[in-house]
Amino acid sequence: MVEDALDPASAPAPVPGSLHALVMEQLEEDQAQDIVSIPLEGKSSIADFMVIASGRSTRQVASIAQKLAEIVKKAGHGPVRLEGLPAADWVLLDAGDVVVHLFRPEVRSFYNLERMWAFGDAPPVSGTA
């Protein structure tokens, strides 16, 4: 299940064919857990979206990250930077307009990026995949 970190009801749906839509679809397909999309456009210059998701193990986190990087490149969305391999407790995938953080659940709860990047008074909302 995919949810927006601010308000799932008001979250804009990913634009079909966009990098954001590709990332979200691929994470769902690869069975990433607790996928959260945080819109950053107009709030930060680092990216338009930050996507946070979990894998069940370091092996799954690494696999999701490597496959996602390949698919983004093949789709023509430019170069992709991966950081955090081979340890794969926390892998950062920087695809320009979309930044993806993939965690093992314990590491994700420790760093709690959703809370850090939530804007406004609304608490972050996590999905369950």
C-alpha atoms as a PDB file:
ATOM      1  CA  MET A   1       0.000   0.000   0.000  1.00  0.00           C
ATOM      2  CA  VAL A   2       1.336   3.427  -0.913  1.00  0.00           C
ATOM      3  CA  GLU A   3       0.542   6.511   1.108  1.00  0.00           C
ATOM      4  CA  ASP A   4       1.526  10.177   1.159  1.00  0.00           C
ATOM      5  CA  ALA A   5       3.355  11.309   4.280  1.00  0.00           C
ATOM      6  CA  LEU A   6       1.152  14.353   4.747  1.00  0.00           C
ATOM      7  CA  ASP A   7      -2.410  13.423   3.857  1.00  0.00           C
ATOM      8  CA  PRO A   8      -3.184  10.349   1.765  1.00  0.00           C
ATOM      9  CA  ALA A   9      -6.519  11.772   0.635  1.00  0.00           C
ATOM     10  CA  SER A  10      -4.972  14.926  -0.820  1.00  0.00           C
ATOM     11  CA  ALA A  11      -1.827  13.354  -2.273  1.00  0.00           C
ATOM     12  CA  PRO A  12      -1.532  13.890  -6.003  1.00  0.00           C
ATOM     13  CA  ALA A  13      -1.539  10.629  -7.916  1.00  0.00           C
ATOM     14  CA  PRO A  14       1.712   9.948  -9.753  1.00  0.00           C
ATOM     15  CA  VAL A  15       1.529  11.242 -13.325  1.00  0.00           C
ATOM     16  CA  PRO A  16       1.504   8.227 -15.681  1.00  0.00           C
ATOM     17  CA  GLY A  17       4.830   7.881 -17.442  1.00  0.00           C
ATOM     18  CA  SER A  18       6.653  10.066 -14.917  1.00  0.00           C
ATOM     19  CA  LEU A  19       9.737   9.017 -13.008  1.00  0.00           C
ATOM     20  CA  HIS A  20       7.720   9.165  -9.786  1.00  0.00           C
ATOM     21  CA  ALA A  21       5.068   6.806 -11.206  1.00  0.00           C
ATOM     22  CA  LEU A  22       7.752   4.408 -12.443  1.00  0.00           C
ATOM     23  CA  VAL A  23       9.409   4.321  -9.014  1.00  0.00           C
ATOM     24  CA  MET A  24       6.124   3.782  -7.185  1.00  0.00           C
ATOM     25  CA  GLU A  25       5.004   1.004  -9.551  1.00  0.00           C
ATOM     26  CA  GLN A  26       8.346  -0.790  -9.343  1.00  0.00           C
ATOM     27  CA  LEU A  27       8.449  -0.651  -5.549  1.00  0.00           C
ATOM     28  CA  GLU A  28       4.965  -2.180  -5.422  1.00  0.00           C
ATOM     29  CA  GLU A  29       5.969  -4.867  -7.927  1.00  0.00           C
ATOM     30  CA  ASP A  30       9.090  -5.744  -5.941  1.00  0.00           C
ATOM     31  CA  GLN A  31       7.009  -6.055  -2.755  1.00  0.00           C
ATOM     32  CA  ALA A  32       8.617  -3.193  -0.874  1.00  0.00           C
ATOM     33  CA  GLN A  33       6.829  -2.524   2.407  1.00  0.00           C
ATOM     34  CA  ASP A  34       5.396   0.622   3.966  1.00  0.00           C
ATOM     35  CA  ILE A  35       5.926   2.808   0.898  1.00  0.00           C
ATOM     36  CA  VAL A  36       5.615   6.513   1.664  1.00  0.00           C
ATOM     37  CA  SER A  37       5.835   9.322  -0.906  1.00  0.00           C
ATOM     38  CA  ILE A  38       6.610  12.822   0.322  1.00  0.00           C
ATOM     39  CA  PRO A  39       6.078  15.657  -2.188  1.00  0.00           C
ATOM     40  CA  LEU A  40       8.959  18.129  -1.958  1.00  0.00           C
ATOM     41  CA  GLU A  41       8.266  20.335  -4.967  1.00  0.00           C
ATOM     42  CA  GLY A  42       8.296  23.957  -3.822  1.00  0.00           C
ATOM     43  CA  LYS A  43       9.579  22.939  -0.382  1.00  0.00           C
ATOM     44  CA  SER A  44      13.075  21.704  -1.195  1.00  0.00           C
ATOM     45  CA  SER A  45      15.442  21.966  -4.122  1.00  0.00           C
ATOM     46  CA  ILE A  46      16.874  18.454  -3.671  1.00  0.00           C
ATOM     47  CA  ALA A  47      14.034  16.667  -5.504  1.00  0.00           C
ATOM     48  CA  ASP A  48      10.337  16.796  -6.360  1.00  0.00           C
ATOM     49  CA  PHE A  49       9.571  13.617  -4.390  1.00  0.00           C
ATOM     50  CA  MET A  50      11.171  11.625  -1.607  1.00  0.00           C
ATOM     51  CA  VAL A  51      10.042   8.013  -1.473  1.00  0.00           C
ATOM     52  CA  ILE A  52      10.730   5.893   1.598  1.00  0.00           C
ATOM     53  CA  ALA A  53      10.205   2.130   1.692  1.00  0.00           C
ATOM     54  CA  SER A  54      11.361  -0.958   3.547  1.00  0.00           C
ATOM     55  CA  GLY A  55      12.601  -4.378   2.594  1.00  0.00           C
ATOM     56  CA  ARG A  56      12.407  -7.412   4.848  1.00  0.00           C
ATOM     57  CA  SER A  57      16.169  -8.074   4.787  1.00  0.00           C
ATOM     58  CA  THR A  58      19.440  -6.600   3.544  1.00  0.00           C
ATOM     59  CA  ARG A  59      19.233  -8.954   0.580  1.00  0.00           C
ATOM     60  CA  GLN A  60      15.781  -7.671  -0.414  1.00  0.00           C
ATOM     61  CA  VAL A  61      16.781  -4.014   0.117  1.00  0.00           C
ATOM     62  CA  ALA A  62      19.821  -4.477  -2.144  1.00  0.00           C
ATOM     63  CA  SER A  63      17.810  -6.344  -4.769  1.00  0.00           C
ATOM     64  CA  ILE A  64      15.046  -3.721  -4.866  1.00  0.00           C
ATOM     65  CA  ALA A  65      17.608  -0.897  -5.143  1.00  0.00           C
ATOM     66  CA  GLN A  66      19.639  -2.511  -7.930  1.00  0.00           C
ATOM     67  CA  LYS A  67      16.578  -3.467  -9.967  1.00  0.00           C
ATOM     68  CA  LEU A  68      15.016  -0.015  -9.519  1.00  0.00           C
ATOM     69  CA  ALA A  69      18.240   1.674 -10.654  1.00  0.00           C
ATOM     70  CA  GLU A  70      18.363  -0.509 -13.791  1.00  0.00           C
ATOM     71  CA  ILE A  71      14.727   0.166 -14.671  1.00  0.00           C
ATOM     72  CA  VAL A  72      15.063   3.928 -14.176  1.00  0.00           C
ATOM     73  CA  LYS A  73      18.138   3.983 -16.440  1.00  0.00           C
ATOM     74  CA  LYS A  74      16.461   1.817 -19.115  1.00  0.00           C
ATOM     75  CA  ALA A  75      13.415   4.091 -19.091  1.00  0.00           C
ATOM     76  CA  GLY A  76      15.677   7.007 -20.011  1.00  0.00           C
ATOM     77  CA  HIS A  77      15.311   9.010 -16.811  1.00  0.00           C
ATOM     78  CA  GLY A  78      19.007   9.802 -16.652  1.00  0.00           C
ATOM     79  CA  PRO A  79      21.833   8.640 -14.431  1.00  0.00           C
ATOM     80  CA  VAL A  80      21.095   7.068 -11.066  1.00  0.00           C
ATOM     81  CA  ARG A  81      23.363   7.171  -8.035  1.00  0.00           C
ATOM     82  CA  LEU A  82      23.239   4.368  -5.491  1.00  0.00           C
ATOM     83  CA  GLU A  83      24.767   4.668  -2.037  1.00  0.00           C
ATOM     84  CA  GLY A  84      24.709   2.135   0.776  1.00  0.00           C
ATOM     85  CA  LEU A  85      25.511  -1.059  -1.102  1.00  0.00           C
ATOM     86  CA  PRO A  86      26.707  -3.709  -0.208  1.00  0.00           C
ATOM     87  CA  ALA A  87      25.717  -3.296   3.476  1.00  0.00           C
ATOM     88  CA  ALA A  88      22.110  -2.524   2.398  1.00  0.00           C
ATOM     89  CA  ASP A  89      20.800  -1.481   5.804  1.00  0.00           C
ATOM     90  CA  TRP A  90      19.921   1.864   4.185  1.00  0.00           C
ATOM     91  CA  VAL A  91      20.283   2.388   0.451  1.00  0.00           C
ATOM     92  CA  LEU A  92      19.862   5.797  -1.135  1.00  0.00           C
ATOM     93  CA  LEU A  93      18.861   5.940  -4.795  1.00  0.00           C
ATOM     94  CA  ASP A  94      19.182   9.418  -6.288  1.00  0.00           C
ATOM     95  CA  ALA A  95      17.413   9.677  -9.651  1.00  0.00           C
ATOM     96  CA  GLY A  96      17.304  13.470  -9.785  1.00  0.00           C
ATOM     97  CA  ASP A  97      13.650  14.458  -9.386  1.00  0.00           C
ATOM     98  CA  VAL A  98      12.960  11.444  -7.158  1.00  0.00           C
ATOM     99  CA  VAL A  99      15.098  10.342  -4.222  1.00  0.00           C
ATOM    100  CA  VAL A 100      14.392   6.884  -2.801  1.00  0.00           C
ATOM    101  CA  HIS A 101      15.418   5.669   0.652  1.00  0.00           C
ATOM    102  CA  LEU A 102      15.238   1.888   1.136  1.00  0.00           C
ATOM    103  CA  PHE A 103      15.668   0.529   4.646  1.00  0.00           C
ATOM    104  CA  ARG A 104      15.570  -2.566   6.742  1.00  0.00           C
ATOM    105  CA  PRO A 105      12.629  -1.953   9.147  1.00  0.00           C
ATOM    106  CA  GLU A 106      14.802  -1.548  12.271  1.00  0.00           C
ATOM    107  CA  VAL A 107      17.034   1.033  10.604  1.00  0.00           C
ATOM    108  CA  ARG A 108      14.046   2.900   9.205  1.00  0.00           C
ATOM    109  CA  SER A 109      12.386   3.240  12.598  1.00  0.00           C
ATOM    110  CA  PHE A 110      15.678   4.459  14.116  1.00  0.00           C
ATOM    111  CA  TYR A 111      16.167   7.286  11.585  1.00  0.00           C
ATOM    112  CA  ASN A 112      12.433   8.068  11.141  1.00  0.00           C
ATOM    113  CA  LEU A 113      12.850  10.165   7.982  1.00  0.00           C
ATOM    114  CA  GLU A 114       9.084  10.502   7.569  1.00  0.00           C
ATOM    115  CA  ARG A 115       8.907  12.594  10.716  1.00  0.00           C
ATOM    116  CA  MET A 116      11.939  14.659   9.770  1.00  0.00           C
ATOM    117  CA  TRP A 117      10.573  15.502   6.303  1.00  0.00           C
ATOM    118  CA  ALA A 118       6.872  15.904   7.138  1.00  0.00           C
ATOM    119  CA  PHE A 119       5.797  19.480   6.532  1.00  0.00           C
ATOM    120  CA  GLY A 120       3.023  21.147   8.462  1.00  0.00           C
ATOM    121  CA  ASP A 121       1.211  19.833  11.520  1.00  0.00           C
ATOM    122  CA  ALA A 122      -0.018  16.561  10.025  1.00  0.00           C
ATOM    123  CA  PRO A 123       1.712  13.467  11.369  1.00  0.00           C
ATOM    124  CA  PRO A 124       3.330  11.185   8.798  1.00  0.00           C
ATOM    125  CA  VAL A 125       1.272   8.237   7.619  1.00  0.00           C
ATOM    126  CA  SER A 126       2.834   4.891   6.770  1.00  0.00           C
ATOM    127  CA  GLY A 127       1.283   2.321   4.490  1.00  0.00           C
ATOM    128  CA  THR A 128       1.339  -1.412   4.952  1.00  0.00           C
ATOM    129  CA  ALA A 129       2.258  -3.488   1.968  1.00  0.00           C
END
